[in-house]
Amino acid sequence: MFRLKDTEQLFRMSTSQGKALSEGRPLRADARRNRARVLVAAETVLAREGLGASMRAIAQEAGVGLGTIYRHFPTQEDLYEAIIVDRAQRLLSQAAALLEAEDAGAAFFGFLTDIVVDATRRKGMADVLADAGIDIKAGMSEASSAMREAIQSLLTRAQQSGAVREDLLMPELLALLSALYMAAERNQWNVELRARTLAIVFDGCRPHH
């Protein structure tokens, strides 16, 4: 069963936080907060200004000094990659929390919805990283594996509760989810279209008596 602690090893990548953790030097609480603020600010500024955004502008948005950014992210590439990793980590943490939800069906369909919502937000950042020559898939194979395990756990729980048809298997579910994700990302679905499309797909996932 997927658990929150299973995500701990997935994100020790090429950022200073990952290096600190791998060397047994966890970041202090204030450093973790600063890093999180920088990631949120960077995503906001890059979505607004694109690759022309400066590290100084990101520092101002985050309310931290420029040196704070460089301590965590020595290069812009480190920062960009960390943004993608952080988004995946947030989704995985959310999945772990949903495994404790009382309504297994709502948790399952809610998480799939959140993945599709993330697709519409991700396009701008993905375009920025691609323009910078950064392979956003690099180093994410473990995160992808953890995401599949999380979805499998939520699916199993939802099927056991009777909220999802028993003959829905992971290959079919992942095919549906991939198609939804790519369509939402490329076409930037609005809220209404996303809601209608997901309602139809989710209806097909439910038992029909």
C-alpha atoms as a PDB file:
ATOM      1  CA  MET A   1       0.000   0.000   0.000  1.00  0.00           C
ATOM      2  CA  PHE A   2       1.239   3.458  -0.897  1.00  0.00           C
ATOM      3  CA  ARG A   3       2.146   5.594   2.120  1.00  0.00           C
ATOM      4  CA  LEU A   4       3.372   9.137   2.578  1.00  0.00           C
ATOM      5  CA  LYS A   5       6.755   7.968   3.853  1.00  0.00           C
ATOM      6  CA  ASP A   6       7.241   6.158   0.531  1.00  0.00           C
ATOM      7  CA  THR A   7       7.760   9.546  -1.121  1.00  0.00           C
ATOM      8  CA  GLU A   8      10.705  10.510   1.063  1.00  0.00           C
ATOM      9  CA  GLN A   9      13.350   8.914  -1.144  1.00  0.00           C
ATOM     10  CA  LEU A  10      11.900  10.119  -4.437  1.00  0.00           C
ATOM     11  CA  PHE A  11      12.928  13.727  -4.377  1.00  0.00           C
ATOM     12  CA  ARG A  12      16.588  13.683  -3.369  1.00  0.00           C
ATOM     13  CA  MET A  13      17.642  15.095  -6.653  1.00  0.00           C
ATOM     14  CA  SER A  14      20.060  17.756  -7.867  1.00  0.00           C
ATOM     15  CA  THR A  15      18.924  20.553  -5.559  1.00  0.00           C
ATOM     16  CA  SER A  16      20.782  21.645  -2.452  1.00  0.00           C
ATOM     17  CA  GLN A  17      18.024  20.223  -0.286  1.00  0.00           C
ATOM     18  CA  GLY A  18      18.461  16.819  -1.888  1.00  0.00           C
ATOM     19  CA  LYS A  19      22.205  16.985  -1.350  1.00  0.00           C
ATOM     20  CA  ALA A  20      21.755  17.983   2.275  1.00  0.00           C
ATOM     21  CA  LEU A  21      19.366  15.109   2.914  1.00  0.00           C
ATOM     22  CA  SER A  22      21.586  12.571   1.196  1.00  0.00           C
ATOM     23  CA  GLU A  23      24.500  13.695   3.363  1.00  0.00           C
ATOM     24  CA  GLY A  24      22.440  13.389   6.518  1.00  0.00           C
ATOM     25  CA  ARG A  25      22.024  17.153   6.939  1.00  0.00           C
ATOM     26  CA  PRO A  26      18.285  17.889   6.904  1.00  0.00           C
ATOM     27  CA  LEU A  27      17.343  21.506   6.381  1.00  0.00           C
ATOM     28  CA  ARG A  28      16.296  23.606   9.347  1.00  0.00           C
ATOM     29  CA  ALA A  29      12.623  24.512   9.568  1.00  0.00           C
ATOM     30  CA  ASP A  30      13.232  28.102   8.478  1.00  0.00           C
ATOM     31  CA  ALA A  31      15.316  26.925   5.523  1.00  0.00           C
ATOM     32  CA  ARG A  32      12.546  24.535   4.463  1.00  0.00           C
ATOM     33  CA  ARG A  33      10.014  27.356   4.635  1.00  0.00           C
ATOM     34  CA  ASN A  34      12.244  29.641   2.577  1.00  0.00           C
ATOM     35  CA  ARG A  35      12.760  26.948  -0.022  1.00  0.00           C
ATOM     36  CA  ALA A  36       9.019  26.348  -0.299  1.00  0.00           C
ATOM     37  CA  ARG A  37       8.376  30.085  -0.663  1.00  0.00           C
ATOM     38  CA  VAL A  38      10.971  30.325  -3.412  1.00  0.00           C
ATOM     39  CA  LEU A  39       9.389  27.455  -5.353  1.00  0.00           C
ATOM     40  CA  VAL A  40       5.919  28.994  -5.173  1.00  0.00           C
ATOM     41  CA  ALA A  41       7.254  32.416  -6.146  1.00  0.00           C
ATOM     42  CA  ALA A  42       9.330  31.002  -8.997  1.00  0.00           C
ATOM     43  CA  GLU A  43       6.338  29.210 -10.478  1.00  0.00           C
ATOM     44  CA  THR A  44       4.287  32.413 -10.303  1.00  0.00           C
ATOM     45  CA  VAL A  45       6.981  34.635 -11.817  1.00  0.00           C
ATOM     46  CA  LEU A  46       7.982  32.188 -14.559  1.00  0.00           C
ATOM     47  CA  ALA A  47       4.366  31.674 -15.589  1.00  0.00           C
ATOM     48  CA  ARG A  48       3.987  35.451 -15.792  1.00  0.00           C
ATOM     49  CA  GLU A  49       7.300  36.471 -17.338  1.00  0.00           C
ATOM     50  CA  GLY A  50       8.686  33.343 -18.972  1.00  0.00           C
ATOM     51  CA  LEU A  51      12.404  32.720 -19.341  1.00  0.00           C
ATOM     52  CA  GLY A  52      13.054  36.439 -19.161  1.00  0.00           C
ATOM     53  CA  ALA A  53      12.322  36.334 -15.449  1.00  0.00           C
ATOM     54  CA  SER A  54      15.330  37.082 -13.278  1.00  0.00           C
ATOM     55  CA  MET A  55      16.326  35.365 -10.079  1.00  0.00           C
ATOM     56  CA  ARG A  56      16.076  38.777  -8.450  1.00  0.00           C
ATOM     57  CA  ALA A  57      12.410  39.058  -9.471  1.00  0.00           C
ATOM     58  CA  ILE A  58      11.773  35.620  -7.979  1.00  0.00           C
ATOM     59  CA  ALA A  59      13.510  36.655  -4.761  1.00  0.00           C
ATOM     60  CA  GLN A  60      11.328  39.761  -4.525  1.00  0.00           C
ATOM     61  CA  GLU A  61       8.184  37.717  -5.123  1.00  0.00           C
ATOM     62  CA  ALA A  62       9.231  35.264  -2.405  1.00  0.00           C
ATOM     63  CA  GLY A  63      10.253  38.000   0.015  1.00  0.00           C
ATOM     64  CA  VAL A  64      13.741  36.575   0.485  1.00  0.00           C
ATOM     65  CA  GLY A  65      17.247  37.722  -0.378  1.00  0.00           C
ATOM     66  CA  LEU A  66      18.892  36.733  -3.632  1.00  0.00           C
ATOM     67  CA  GLY A  67      21.511  34.809  -1.682  1.00  0.00           C
ATOM     68  CA  THR A  68      18.792  32.612  -0.191  1.00  0.00           C
ATOM     69  CA  ILE A  69      17.762  31.458  -3.641  1.00  0.00           C
ATOM     70  CA  TYR A  70      21.302  30.621  -4.702  1.00  0.00           C
ATOM     71  CA  ARG A  71      21.939  28.689  -1.501  1.00  0.00           C
ATOM     72  CA  HIS A  72      19.056  26.385  -2.373  1.00  0.00           C
ATOM     73  CA  PHE A  73      19.342  26.506  -6.161  1.00  0.00           C
ATOM     74  CA  PRO A  74      22.850  27.275  -7.462  1.00  0.00           C
ATOM     75  CA  THR A  75      21.576  27.544 -11.056  1.00  0.00           C
ATOM     76  CA  GLN A  76      18.299  28.406 -12.746  1.00  0.00           C
ATOM     77  CA  GLU A  77      18.157  24.868 -14.101  1.00  0.00           C
ATOM     78  CA  ASP A  78      18.249  23.527 -10.535  1.00  0.00           C
ATOM     79  CA  LEU A  79      15.331  25.786  -9.662  1.00  0.00           C
ATOM     80  CA  TYR A  80      13.276  24.848 -12.716  1.00  0.00           C
ATOM     81  CA  GLU A  81      13.738  21.134 -12.128  1.00  0.00           C
ATOM     82  CA  ALA A  82      12.846  21.542  -8.457  1.00  0.00           C
ATOM     83  CA  ILE A  83       9.541  23.176  -9.404  1.00  0.00           C
ATOM     84  CA  ILE A  84       8.465  20.114 -11.381  1.00  0.00           C
ATOM     85  CA  VAL A  85       9.616  17.754  -8.626  1.00  0.00           C
ATOM     86  CA  ASP A  86       7.803  19.801  -5.985  1.00  0.00           C
ATOM     87  CA  ARG A  87       4.537  19.630  -7.914  1.00  0.00           C
ATOM     88  CA  ALA A  88       4.815  15.857  -8.175  1.00  0.00           C
ATOM     89  CA  GLN A  89       5.605  15.638  -4.475  1.00  0.00           C
ATOM     90  CA  ARG A  90       2.533  17.659  -3.564  1.00  0.00           C
ATOM     91  CA  LEU A  91       0.309  15.340  -5.595  1.00  0.00           C
ATOM     92  CA  LEU A  92       1.847  12.268  -3.979  1.00  0.00           C
ATOM     93  CA  SER A  93       1.395  13.713  -0.501  1.00  0.00           C
ATOM     94  CA  GLN A  94      -2.206  14.448  -1.358  1.00  0.00           C
ATOM     95  CA  ALA A  95      -2.739  10.875  -2.538  1.00  0.00           C
ATOM     96  CA  ALA A  96      -1.325   9.532   0.715  1.00  0.00           C
ATOM     97  CA  ALA A  97      -3.707  11.718   2.712  1.00  0.00           C
ATOM     98  CA  LEU A  98      -6.683  10.613   0.581  1.00  0.00           C
ATOM     99  CA  LEU A  99      -6.007   6.984   1.474  1.00  0.00           C
ATOM    100  CA  GLU A 100      -7.294   7.847   4.937  1.00  0.00           C
ATOM    101  CA  ALA A 101     -10.481   9.473   3.611  1.00  0.00           C
ATOM    102  CA  GLU A 102     -13.752   7.942   4.767  1.00  0.00           C
ATOM    103  CA  ASP A 103     -15.305   8.068   1.286  1.00  0.00           C
ATOM    104  CA  ALA A 104     -12.993   5.962  -0.873  1.00  0.00           C
ATOM    105  CA  GLY A 105     -14.936   6.695  -4.044  1.00  0.00           C
ATOM    106  CA  ALA A 106     -14.804  10.441  -3.576  1.00  0.00           C
ATOM    107  CA  ALA A 107     -11.091  10.195  -2.783  1.00  0.00           C
ATOM    108  CA  PHE A 108     -10.405   8.240  -5.970  1.00  0.00           C
ATOM    109  CA  PHE A 109     -12.371  10.489  -8.305  1.00  0.00           C
ATOM    110  CA  GLY A 110     -11.160  13.589  -6.506  1.00  0.00           C
ATOM    111  CA  PHE A 111      -7.517  12.661  -7.013  1.00  0.00           C
ATOM    112  CA  LEU A 112      -8.011  11.925 -10.705  1.00  0.00           C
ATOM    113  CA  THR A 113      -9.663  15.319 -11.029  1.00  0.00           C
ATOM    114  CA  ASP A 114      -6.732  17.004  -9.320  1.00  0.00           C
ATOM    115  CA  ILE A 115      -4.306  15.359 -11.738  1.00  0.00           C
ATOM    116  CA  VAL A 116      -6.247  16.718 -14.711  1.00  0.00           C
ATOM    117  CA  VAL A 117      -6.480  20.162 -13.104  1.00  0.00           C
ATOM    118  CA  ASP A 118      -2.707  20.100 -12.645  1.00  0.00           C
ATOM    119  CA  ALA A 119      -2.316  19.466 -16.384  1.00  0.00           C
ATOM    120  CA  THR A 120      -3.831  22.829 -17.265  1.00  0.00           C
ATOM    121  CA  ARG A 121      -1.520  24.578 -14.814  1.00  0.00           C
ATOM    122  CA  ARG A 122       1.547  22.629 -15.900  1.00  0.00           C
ATOM    123  CA  LYS A 123       1.592  23.600 -19.573  1.00  0.00           C
ATOM    124  CA  GLY A 124       3.054  27.057 -19.098  1.00  0.00           C
ATOM    125  CA  MET A 125       5.830  25.763 -16.874  1.00  0.00           C
ATOM    126  CA  ALA A 126       6.504  22.802 -19.148  1.00  0.00           C
ATOM    127  CA  ASP A 127       6.843  25.145 -22.115  1.00  0.00           C
ATOM    128  CA  VAL A 128       9.288  27.328 -20.204  1.00  0.00           C
ATOM    129  CA  LEU A 129      11.435  24.354 -19.237  1.00  0.00           C
ATOM    130  CA  ALA A 130      11.358  22.905 -22.743  1.00  0.00           C
ATOM    131  CA  ASP A 131      12.470  26.246 -24.171  1.00  0.00           C
ATOM    132  CA  ALA A 132      15.343  26.194 -21.692  1.00  0.00           C
ATOM    133  CA  GLY A 133      16.388  22.786 -23.001  1.00  0.00           C
ATOM    134  CA  ILE A 134      15.515  21.040 -19.748  1.00  0.00           C
ATOM    135  CA  ASP A 135      14.183  17.491 -19.942  1.00  0.00           C
ATOM    136  CA  ILE A 136      11.406  17.523 -17.367  1.00  0.00           C
ATOM    137  CA  LYS A 137      11.174  13.726 -17.498  1.00  0.00           C
ATOM    138  CA  ALA A 138      14.774  13.289 -16.428  1.00  0.00           C
ATOM    139  CA  GLY A 139      15.026  11.930 -12.911  1.00  0.00           C
ATOM    140  CA  MET A 140      11.259  11.540 -12.599  1.00  0.00           C
ATOM    141  CA  SER A 141      10.999   7.808 -13.254  1.00  0.00           C
ATOM    142  CA  GLU A 142      10.790   7.015  -9.539  1.00  0.00           C
ATOM    143  CA  ALA A 143       8.144   9.687  -9.027  1.00  0.00           C
ATOM    144  CA  SER A 144       6.140   8.249 -11.930  1.00  0.00           C
ATOM    145  CA  SER A 145       6.358   4.806 -10.362  1.00  0.00           C
ATOM    146  CA  ALA A 146       5.174   6.179  -7.026  1.00  0.00           C
ATOM    147  CA  MET A 147       2.285   7.966  -8.749  1.00  0.00           C
ATOM    148  CA  ARG A 148       1.148   4.731 -10.375  1.00  0.00           C
ATOM    149  CA  GLU A 149       1.331   2.972  -7.016  1.00  0.00           C
ATOM    150  CA  ALA A 150      -0.699   5.756  -5.400  1.00  0.00           C
ATOM    151  CA  ILE A 151      -3.389   5.537  -8.071  1.00  0.00           C
ATOM    152  CA  GLN A 152      -3.471   1.748  -7.739  1.00  0.00           C
ATOM    153  CA  SER A 153      -3.974   2.036  -3.983  1.00  0.00           C
ATOM    154  CA  LEU A 154      -6.795   4.547  -4.392  1.00  0.00           C
ATOM    155  CA  LEU A 155      -8.385   2.381  -7.113  1.00  0.00           C
ATOM    156  CA  THR A 156      -8.244  -0.781  -5.009  1.00  0.00           C
ATOM    157  CA  ARG A 157      -9.790   0.972  -2.045  1.00  0.00           C
ATOM    158  CA  ALA A 158     -12.550   2.496  -4.190  1.00  0.00           C
ATOM    159  CA  GLN A 159     -13.352  -0.880  -5.746  1.00  0.00           C
ATOM    160  CA  GLN A 160     -13.506  -2.533  -2.353  1.00  0.00           C
ATOM    161  CA  SER A 161     -16.038   0.091  -1.277  1.00  0.00           C
ATOM    162  CA  GLY A 162     -18.177  -0.588  -4.360  1.00  0.00           C
ATOM    163  CA  ALA A 163     -17.680   2.916  -5.791  1.00  0.00           C
ATOM    164  CA  VAL A 164     -15.718   1.755  -8.854  1.00  0.00           C
ATOM    165  CA  ARG A 165     -16.445  -1.153 -11.181  1.00  0.00           C
ATOM    166  CA  GLU A 166     -14.367  -4.232 -10.410  1.00  0.00           C
ATOM    167  CA  ASP A 167     -13.288  -4.827 -14.015  1.00  0.00           C
ATOM    168  CA  LEU A 168     -11.474  -1.478 -14.265  1.00  0.00           C
ATOM    169  CA  LEU A 169      -7.792  -2.394 -14.321  1.00  0.00           C
ATOM    170  CA  MET A 170      -4.731  -0.163 -14.108  1.00  0.00           C
ATOM    171  CA  PRO A 171      -3.757  -0.363 -17.819  1.00  0.00           C
ATOM    172  CA  GLU A 172      -7.184   0.901 -18.864  1.00  0.00           C
ATOM    173  CA  LEU A 173      -7.292   3.499 -16.104  1.00  0.00           C
ATOM    174  CA  LEU A 174      -3.841   4.842 -16.966  1.00  0.00           C
ATOM    175  CA  ALA A 175      -4.787   4.987 -20.653  1.00  0.00           C
ATOM    176  CA  LEU A 176      -7.865   7.044 -19.803  1.00  0.00           C
ATOM    177  CA  LEU A 177      -5.956   9.275 -17.414  1.00  0.00           C
ATOM    178  CA  SER A 178      -3.125   9.864 -19.892  1.00  0.00           C
ATOM    179  CA  ALA A 179      -5.586  10.858 -22.599  1.00  0.00           C
ATOM    180  CA  LEU A 180      -7.399  13.227 -20.246  1.00  0.00           C
ATOM    181  CA  TYR A 181      -4.140  14.734 -19.034  1.00  0.00           C
ATOM    182  CA  MET A 182      -2.734  15.374 -22.501  1.00  0.00           C
ATOM    183  CA  ALA A 183      -5.990  16.822 -23.802  1.00  0.00           C
ATOM    184  CA  ALA A 184      -6.370  19.131 -20.805  1.00  0.00           C
ATOM    185  CA  GLU A 185      -2.745  20.232 -21.056  1.00  0.00           C
ATOM    186  CA  ARG A 186      -2.672  20.891 -24.779  1.00  0.00           C
ATOM    187  CA  ASN A 187      -6.114  22.447 -25.100  1.00  0.00           C
ATOM    188  CA  GLN A 188      -6.179  24.254 -21.741  1.00  0.00           C
ATOM    189  CA  TRP A 189      -9.651  23.070 -20.799  1.00  0.00           C
ATOM    190  CA  ASN A 190     -11.841  25.567 -19.006  1.00  0.00           C
ATOM    191  CA  VAL A 191     -13.656  24.594 -15.826  1.00  0.00           C
ATOM    192  CA  GLU A 192     -16.949  23.781 -17.555  1.00  0.00           C
ATOM    193  CA  LEU A 193     -15.453  21.557 -20.244  1.00  0.00           C
ATOM    194  CA  ARG A 194     -13.306  19.741 -17.710  1.00  0.00           C
ATOM    195  CA  ALA A 195     -16.274  19.097 -15.430  1.00  0.00           C
ATOM    196  CA  ARG A 196     -18.471  17.764 -18.247  1.00  0.00           C
ATOM    197  CA  THR A 197     -15.740  15.546 -19.674  1.00  0.00           C
ATOM    198  CA  LEU A 198     -14.765  14.075 -16.330  1.00  0.00           C
ATOM    199  CA  ALA A 199     -18.406  13.462 -15.422  1.00  0.00           C
ATOM    200  CA  ILE A 200     -18.820  11.305 -18.537  1.00  0.00           C
ATOM    201  CA  VAL A 201     -15.566   9.395 -17.994  1.00  0.00           C
ATOM    202  CA  PHE A 202     -16.205   8.865 -14.296  1.00  0.00           C
ATOM    203  CA  ASP A 203     -19.708   7.588 -15.009  1.00  0.00           C
ATOM    204  CA  GLY A 204     -18.114   4.856 -17.098  1.00  0.00           C
ATOM    205  CA  CYS A 205     -15.856   3.927 -14.182  1.00  0.00           C
ATOM    206  CA  ARG A 206     -18.753   3.365 -11.795  1.00  0.00           C
ATOM    207  CA  PRO A 207     -20.657   0.073 -11.439  1.00  0.00           C
ATOM    208  CA  HIS A 208     -23.798  -0.180 -13.551  1.00  0.00           C
ATOM    209  CA  HIS A 209     -26.473  -2.486 -12.279  1.00  0.00           C
END
